[in-house]
Amino acid sequence: MFAIVRTGGKQYRVAAGDKIVVEKIAGDAGSTVSLGDVLLAGEGSELRDVAGLTVSAEIIAQAKGEKVIVFKKRRRHNYRRRNGHRQQHTILKITAIGAAK
């Protein structure tokens, strides 16, 4: 069975046992979170009703993404700015797709 969930402004296709990297979700490693914003669910080509459907996941780790360098320059004005950014991520392992409890 698969589901399409929305978290952090992005959509992910997940199934039980999958590992996904999402925007930061509050919680410690080992804790369980419930993703309630399920957009679509099904098995094979059959679709299911998503009313009351939730996806439960376990937080594996809180991590940071790769560093992105932001460099601004205006020629002939002696203007240079260098800045870096590392996005916070949460690594989730999908444990089950089922009804809300």
Protein backbone atom coordinates (compact mmCIF):
# COMPACT_ATOMS: atom_id res chain seq x y z
CA MET A 1 0.00 0.00 0.00
CA PHE A 2 1.20 3.51 -0.76
CA ALA A 3 0.17 7.00 0.26
CA ILE A 4 0.99 10.52 -0.81
CA VAL A 5 1.53 12.80 2.19
CA ARG A 6 2.22 16.51 2.45
CA THR A 7 4.70 17.83 5.02
CA GLY A 8 6.90 20.89 4.97
CA GLY A 9 5.19 22.20 1.83
CA LYS A 10 6.28 19.20 -0.24
CA GLN A 11 4.57 15.96 -1.25
CA TYR A 12 6.07 12.49 -0.81
CA ARG A 13 4.98 9.07 -2.07
CA VAL A 14 5.56 6.63 0.77
CA ALA A 15 5.02 2.98 1.60
CA ALA A 16 5.68 0.99 4.76
CA GLY A 17 9.42 0.60 5.32
CA ASP A 18 10.45 3.62 3.23
CA LYS A 19 12.97 6.18 4.47
CA ILE A 20 12.42 9.80 3.48
CA VAL A 21 14.16 13.10 4.20
CA VAL A 22 11.72 15.92 5.04
CA GLU A 23 11.87 19.46 6.40
CA LYS A 24 12.58 19.60 10.13
CA ILE A 25 9.90 18.10 12.38
CA ALA A 26 10.10 18.59 16.14
CA GLY A 27 11.06 15.43 18.05
CA ASP A 28 13.97 13.30 19.15
CA ALA A 29 15.47 10.29 17.40
CA GLY A 30 13.42 7.20 18.15
CA SER A 31 10.13 9.02 18.73
CA THR A 32 7.04 8.40 16.62
CA VAL A 33 5.23 11.06 14.59
CA SER A 34 1.93 10.94 12.75
CA LEU A 35 1.55 12.53 9.33
CA GLY A 36 -2.13 13.38 9.04
CA ASP A 37 -2.18 15.31 5.76
CA VAL A 38 -2.73 12.34 3.43
CA LEU A 39 -3.66 13.39 -0.11
CA LEU A 40 -4.01 10.01 -1.84
CA ALA A 41 -3.79 6.35 -0.87
CA GLY A 42 -4.05 3.10 -2.73
CA GLU A 43 -2.74 -0.32 -3.54
CA GLY A 44 -1.68 -1.05 -7.09
CA SER A 45 -4.14 0.77 -9.32
CA GLU A 46 -6.93 0.77 -6.70
CA LEU A 47 -7.44 4.01 -4.77
CA ARG A 48 -8.76 4.25 -1.20
CA ASP A 49 -10.72 6.87 0.68
CA VAL A 50 -8.32 9.07 2.66
CA ALA A 51 -10.83 10.33 5.24
CA GLY A 52 -9.31 9.64 8.67
CA LEU A 53 -6.20 8.02 7.20
CA THR A 54 -2.84 8.72 8.84
CA VAL A 55 0.73 7.68 8.17
CA SER A 56 2.87 6.87 11.20
CA ALA A 57 6.64 7.24 11.04
CA GLU A 58 9.64 6.94 13.32
CA ILE A 59 12.26 9.68 13.50
CA ILE A 60 15.64 8.15 12.68
CA ALA A 61 17.76 11.31 12.96
CA GLN A 62 17.79 15.08 12.90
CA ALA A 63 20.39 16.19 10.34
CA LYS A 64 21.63 19.11 8.29
CA GLY A 65 21.77 19.26 4.51
CA GLU A 66 24.71 20.21 2.37
CA LYS A 67 26.00 23.76 2.63
CA VAL A 68 24.79 26.15 -0.05
CA ILE A 69 27.02 29.15 -0.74
CA VAL A 70 25.27 32.42 -1.59
CA PHE A 71 27.63 34.85 -3.32
CA LYS A 72 26.56 38.34 -4.41
CA LYS A 73 28.69 40.68 -6.46
CA ARG A 74 28.18 44.00 -8.21
CA ARG A 75 30.94 44.67 -10.63
CA ARG A 76 32.90 47.90 -10.45
CA HIS A 77 31.39 48.82 -7.06
CA ASN A 78 33.70 46.84 -4.75
CA TYR A 79 30.66 44.94 -3.47
CA ARG A 80 31.04 41.27 -2.57
CA ARG A 81 29.02 39.27 -0.03
CA ARG A 82 29.52 35.62 0.79
CA ASN A 83 27.00 33.75 2.90
CA GLY A 84 26.30 30.09 3.60
CA HIS A 85 23.20 28.12 4.57
CA ARG A 86 22.59 24.56 5.82
CA GLN A 87 18.97 23.41 5.86
CA GLN A 88 17.68 21.39 8.83
CA HIS A 89 16.26 17.97 7.86
CA THR A 90 14.52 15.09 9.60
CA ILE A 91 15.02 11.52 8.40
CA LEU A 92 11.84 9.45 8.79
CA LYS A 93 11.16 5.72 8.47
CA ILE A 94 7.55 4.98 7.56
CA THR A 95 6.19 2.31 9.89
CA ALA A 96 2.52 2.00 8.94
CA ILE A 97 -0.24 3.42 6.80
CA GLY A 98 -3.60 3.05 8.45
CA ALA A 99 -6.65 4.58 10.07
CA ALA A 100 -6.39 7.20 12.80
CA LYS A 101 -6.36 5.83 16.32
